C-alpha atoms as a PDB file:
ATOM      1  CA  HIS A   1    -229.109-135.042  -3.354  1.00  0.00           C
ATOM      2  CA  ARG A   2    -226.311-132.465  -2.238  1.00  0.00           C
ATOM      3  CA  ASN A   3    -227.069-129.580  -4.550  1.00  0.00           C
ATOM      4  CA  SER A   4    -228.672-126.667  -3.030  1.00  0.00           C
ATOM      5  CA  ASN A   5    -232.613-126.153  -3.435  1.00  0.00           C
ATOM      6  CA  LYS A   6    -231.932-123.706  -5.952  1.00  0.00           C
ATOM      7  CA  GLU A   7    -235.707-122.990  -5.718  1.00  0.00           C
ATOM      8  CA  ALA A   8    -235.250-121.871  -2.181  1.00  0.00           C
ATOM      9  CA  TRP A   9    -232.474-119.722  -2.786  1.00  0.00           C
ATOM     10  CA  SER A  10    -234.084-117.877  -5.325  1.00  0.00           C
ATOM     11  CA  LYS A  11    -237.320-117.395  -3.697  1.00  0.00           C
ATOM     12  CA  LEU A  12    -234.978-115.914  -1.077  1.00  0.00           C
ATOM     13  CA  ALA A  13    -233.128-113.921  -3.002  1.00  0.00           C
ATOM     14  CA  HIS A  14    -235.696-112.082  -4.710  1.00  0.00           C
ATOM     15  CA  GLU A  15    -237.471-111.839  -1.056  1.00  0.00           C
ATOM     16  CA  LEU A  16    -234.465-110.061   0.395  1.00  0.00           C
ATOM     17  CA  ARG A  17    -233.743-107.982  -2.783  1.00  0.00           C
ATOM     18  CA  ARG A  18    -237.825-106.876  -2.154  1.00  0.00           C
ATOM     19  CA  ARG A  19    -236.767-106.040   1.290  1.00  0.00           C
ATOM     20  CA  GLY A  20    -233.882-103.683  -0.222  1.00  0.00           C
ATOM     21  CA  GLU A  21    -230.800-106.131   0.420  1.00  0.00           C
ATOM     22  CA  ASN A  22    -228.115-106.260  -2.080  1.00  0.00           C
ATOM     23  CA  VAL A  23    -227.790-109.879  -3.571  1.00  0.00           C
ATOM     24  CA  VAL A  24    -224.703-111.106  -4.740  1.00  0.00           C
ATOM     25  CA  ILE A  25    -224.912-114.997  -6.087  1.00  0.00           C
ATOM     26  CA  VAL A  26    -221.504-117.052  -5.859  1.00  0.00           C
ATOM     27  CA  ARG A  27    -222.085-119.715  -7.691  1.00  0.00           C
ATOM     28  CA  ASP A  28    -219.704-123.304  -7.594  1.00  0.00           C
ATOM     29  CA  THR A  29    -216.879-123.162  -9.218  1.00  0.00           C
ATOM     30  CA  ALA A  30    -217.768-125.416 -11.830  1.00  0.00           C
ATOM     31  CA  LYS A  31    -220.444-122.868 -13.199  1.00  0.00           C
ATOM     32  CA  ALA A  32    -218.573-120.013 -11.673  1.00  0.00           C
ATOM     33  CA  SER A  33    -219.657-118.363 -15.198  1.00  0.00           C
ATOM     34  CA  GLU A  34    -223.166-118.584 -15.260  1.00  0.00           C
ATOM     35  CA  GLN A  35    -225.537-116.029 -14.122  1.00  0.00           C
ATOM     36  CA  PHE A  36    -227.998-116.982 -11.763  1.00  0.00           C
ATOM     37  CA  GLU A  37    -231.497-115.526 -12.871  1.00  0.00           C
ATOM     38  CA  ASP A  38    -230.971-111.672 -13.057  1.00  0.00           C
ATOM     39  CA  PHE A  39    -228.636-111.234  -9.865  1.00  0.00           C
ATOM     40  CA  VAL A  40    -225.086-110.228  -9.629  1.00  0.00           C
ATOM     41  CA  THR A  41    -223.027-113.326  -9.987  1.00  0.00           C
ATOM     42  CA  MET A  42    -219.280-112.784  -9.377  1.00  0.00           C
ATOM     43  CA  ALA A  43    -217.776-115.115 -10.889  1.00  0.00           C
ATOM     44  CA  SER A  44    -214.214-114.025  -9.741  1.00  0.00           C
ATOM     45  CA  ALA A  45    -215.114-115.018  -6.041  1.00  0.00           C
ATOM     46  CA  ALA A  46    -216.283-118.835  -7.059  1.00  0.00           C
ATOM     47  CA  THR A  47    -212.961-118.835  -8.686  1.00  0.00           C
ATOM     48  CA  ASP A  48    -210.487-117.188  -6.521  1.00  0.00           C
ATOM     49  CA  LEU A  49    -209.934-117.656  -2.700  1.00  0.00           C
ATOM     50  CA  LYS A  50    -209.021-114.192  -1.826  1.00  0.00           C
ATOM     51  CA  THR A  51    -211.508-112.836  -3.891  1.00  0.00           C
ATOM     52  CA  ARG A  52    -214.280-115.184  -1.947  1.00  0.00           C
ATOM     53  CA  ALA A  53    -212.791-114.678   1.564  1.00  0.00           C
ATOM     54  CA  SER A  54    -212.678-110.694   0.747  1.00  0.00           C
ATOM     55  CA  LEU A  55    -216.337-110.828  -0.664  1.00  0.00           C
ATOM     56  CA  TYR A  56    -217.024-112.678   2.580  1.00  0.00           C
ATOM     57  CA  GLU A  57    -215.583-110.045   4.915  1.00  0.00           C
ATOM     58  CA  LEU A  58    -217.158-107.052   2.992  1.00  0.00           C
ATOM     59  CA  ALA A  59    -221.042-108.692   2.929  1.00  0.00           C
ATOM     60  CA  LYS A  60    -223.408-107.670   5.542  1.00  0.00           C
ATOM     61  CA  CYS A  61    -224.324-111.275   6.086  1.00  0.00           C
ATOM     62  CA  ASN A  62    -223.404-114.533   4.302  1.00  0.00           C
ATOM     63  CA  LEU A  63    -225.546-117.428   3.344  1.00  0.00           C
ATOM     64  CA  PHE A  64    -224.420-120.910   2.841  1.00  0.00           C
ATOM     65  CA  ALA A  65    -225.853-124.547   2.271  1.00  0.00           C
ATOM     66  CA  ALA A  66    -223.345-127.037   3.956  1.00  0.00           C
ATOM     67  CA  ASN A  67    -219.936-126.944   1.598  1.00  0.00           C
ATOM     68  CA  GLY A  68    -216.895-126.319   1.795  1.00  0.00           C
ATOM     69  CA  PRO A  69    -216.603-122.720   1.182  1.00  0.00           C
ATOM     70  CA  TRP A  70    -218.559-121.643   4.495  1.00  0.00           C
ATOM     71  CA  TYR A  71    -215.289-123.001   6.338  1.00  0.00           C
ATOM     72  CA  LEU A  72    -214.145-119.381   5.065  1.00  0.00           C
ATOM     73  CA  ALA A  73    -216.702-117.563   7.141  1.00  0.00           C
ATOM     74  CA  LEU A  74    -216.644-119.971   9.625  1.00  0.00           C
ATOM     75  CA  PHE A  75    -213.247-118.484  10.828  1.00  0.00           C
ATOM     76  CA  GLY A  76    -214.306-115.217   9.540  1.00  0.00           C
ATOM     77  CA  ALA A  77    -215.486-111.506  11.326  1.00  0.00           C
ATOM     78  CA  ARG A  78    -218.846-111.555   9.468  1.00  0.00           C
ATOM     79  CA  PRO A  79    -222.171-112.802  10.465  1.00  0.00           C
ATOM     80  CA  TRP A  80    -223.399-115.923   8.543  1.00  0.00           C
ATOM     81  CA  LEU A  81    -226.347-118.813   8.014  1.00  0.00           C
ATOM     82  CA  MET A  82    -225.560-122.129   7.150  1.00  0.00           C
ATOM     83  CA  PHE A  83    -228.205-124.619   6.756  1.00  0.00           C
ATOM     84  CA  ASN A  84    -227.264-127.987   7.056  1.00  0.00           C
ATOM     85  CA  ALA A  85    -229.930-131.211   7.963  1.00  0.00           C
ATOM     86  CA  VAL A  86    -228.163-133.986   9.230  1.00  0.00           C
ATOM     87  CA  SER A  87    -229.531-137.450   9.372  1.00  0.00           C
ATOM     88  CA  PRO A  88    -227.643-141.146  10.540  1.00  0.00           C
ATOM     89  CA  ASP A  89    -229.521-142.467   7.476  1.00  0.00           C
ATOM     90  CA  ASP A  90    -227.890-139.548   4.555  1.00  0.00           C
ATOM     91  CA  HIS A  91    -225.968-140.907   2.321  1.00  0.00           C
ATOM     92  CA  PHE A  92    -223.088-138.415   2.399  1.00  0.00           C
ATOM     93  CA  ASP A  93    -220.914-139.041   5.684  1.00  0.00           C
ATOM     94  CA  ALA A  94    -220.572-135.385   6.210  1.00  0.00           C
ATOM     95  CA  ASN A  95    -223.959-135.019   6.564  1.00  0.00           C
ATOM     96  CA  LYS A  96    -224.504-137.687   9.455  1.00  0.00           C
ATOM     97  CA  PRO A  97    -224.753-136.201  13.143  1.00  0.00           C
ATOM     98  CA  ASP A  98    -221.758-138.351  14.082  1.00  0.00           C
ATOM     99  CA  MET A  99    -219.515-137.012  11.726  1.00  0.00           C
ATOM    100  CA  TRP A 100    -220.280-133.832  13.277  1.00  0.00           C
ATOM    101  CA  LYS A 101    -219.223-134.779  16.758  1.00  0.00           C
ATOM    102  CA  ASP A 102    -216.240-137.053  16.304  1.00  0.00           C
ATOM    103  CA  PHE A 103    -214.247-134.557  13.248  1.00  0.00           C
ATOM    104  CA  HIS A 104    -216.241-130.855  14.342  1.00  0.00           C
ATOM    105  CA  GLY A 105    -216.364-131.527  18.045  1.00  0.00           C
ATOM    106  CA  ILE A 106    -219.866-130.344  18.075  1.00  0.00           C
ATOM    107  CA  ALA A 107    -223.103-132.336  18.024  1.00  0.00           C
ATOM    108  CA  ALA A 108    -225.951-131.799  15.804  1.00  0.00           C
ATOM    109  CA  GLY A 109    -227.963-128.526  17.139  1.00  0.00           C
ATOM    110  CA  GLU A 110    -224.827-127.036  18.552  1.00  0.00           C
ATOM    111  CA  GLN A 111    -222.745-123.975  17.675  1.00  0.00           C
ATOM    112  CA  PHE A 112    -218.482-123.747  17.553  1.00  0.00           C
ATOM    113  CA  PRO A 113    -218.103-121.863  21.278  1.00  0.00           C
ATOM    114  CA  TRP A 114    -215.986-118.841  19.197  1.00  0.00           C
ATOM    115  CA  SER A 115    -219.299-118.347  17.043  1.00  0.00           C
ATOM    116  CA  ARG A 116    -221.455-115.389  17.937  1.00  0.00           C
ATOM    117  CA  PRO A 117    -224.780-114.970  17.918  1.00  0.00           C
ATOM    118  CA  ASP A 118    -224.910-113.189  14.168  1.00  0.00           C
ATOM    119  CA  GLN A 119    -222.950-116.638  13.147  1.00  0.00           C
ATOM    120  CA  ARG A 120    -225.078-119.912  13.140  1.00  0.00           C
ATOM    121  CA  ILE A 121    -225.715-123.160  12.139  1.00  0.00           C
ATOM    122  CA  ILE A 122    -228.892-123.663  11.257  1.00  0.00           C
ATOM    123  CA  TRP A 123    -229.732-127.343  12.005  1.00  0.00           C
ATOM    124  CA  LYS A 124    -232.449-127.653   9.084  1.00  0.00           C
ATOM    125  CA  GLY A 125    -232.281-127.873   4.711  1.00  0.00           C
ATOM    126  CA  ASP A 126    -231.970-125.137   2.562  1.00  0.00           C
ATOM    127  CA  ASP A 127    -236.019-124.662   2.471  1.00  0.00           C
ATOM    128  CA  TYR A 128    -237.528-121.313   2.000  1.00  0.00           C
ATOM    129  CA  GLU A 129    -239.942-120.809   5.261  1.00  0.00           C
ATOM    130  CA  VAL A 130    -236.315-122.215   6.928  1.00  0.00           C
ATOM    131  CA  MET A 131    -234.367-119.658   5.568  1.00  0.00           C
ATOM    132  CA  ILE A 132    -236.652-116.583   5.812  1.00  0.00           C
ATOM    133  CA  ASN A 133    -237.507-117.699   9.303  1.00  0.00           C
ATOM    134  CA  ALA A 134    -233.520-117.253   9.994  1.00  0.00           C
ATOM    135  CA  TRP A 135    -233.000-114.296   8.290  1.00  0.00           C
ATOM    136  CA  ASP A 136    -235.897-112.685  10.849  1.00  0.00           C
ATOM    137  CA  GLU A 137    -234.738-114.116  13.563  1.00  0.00           C
ATOM    138  CA  LEU A 138    -231.051-112.855  13.068  1.00  0.00           C
ATOM    139  CA  ASN A 139    -232.437-109.396  12.521  1.00  0.00           C
ATOM    140  CA  ILE A 140    -234.936-109.603  15.556  1.00  0.00           C
ATOM    141  CA  ASN A 141    -232.451-110.503  17.897  1.00  0.00           C
ATOM    142  CA  GLY A 142    -229.322-108.051  17.677  1.00  0.00           C
ATOM    143  CA  GLY A 143    -229.465-107.372  14.339  1.00  0.00           C
ATOM    144  CA  ILE A 144    -227.224-108.009  11.864  1.00  0.00           C
ATOM    145  CA  PRO A 145    -224.525-105.232  11.562  1.00  0.00           C
ATOM    146  CA  VAL A 146    -223.685-103.416   8.222  1.00  0.00           C
ATOM    147  CA  ALA A 147    -220.358-103.537   6.580  1.00  0.00           C
ATOM    148  CA  ALA A 148    -217.796-100.922   7.374  1.00  0.00           C
ATOM    149  CA  GLU A 149    -217.996 -98.034   4.830  1.00  0.00           C
END
């Protein structure tokens, strides 16, 4: 049940590309060399931590489901959106609200105090409408800066 909503991510990637964005997919390490549709898939970022961190710092914006690699962006300088629905009934402890308060120091719905307005946890699942609305909201309220040339 922890897998990403691949259909929603695919739809989002297609929409962002249609809008002129360059979309790069970093697959799970176990699927690093597998292509994701017709998008650029950077296998080296899935298997090498320095490459992944470098890619994150060059990106216009990084988008995540709740996962370990997101923590690199959490402490990085680039914009990011991380989609995570939490529930006390979730089978996975890391998706329970108490875990966020006890182990991260923030309650569900809050943001880390060092996170900028363009670095947000979206406390909803990775559904297409949630993701595209968060992207649009980020662009409307201050915009997403373009990476340095």
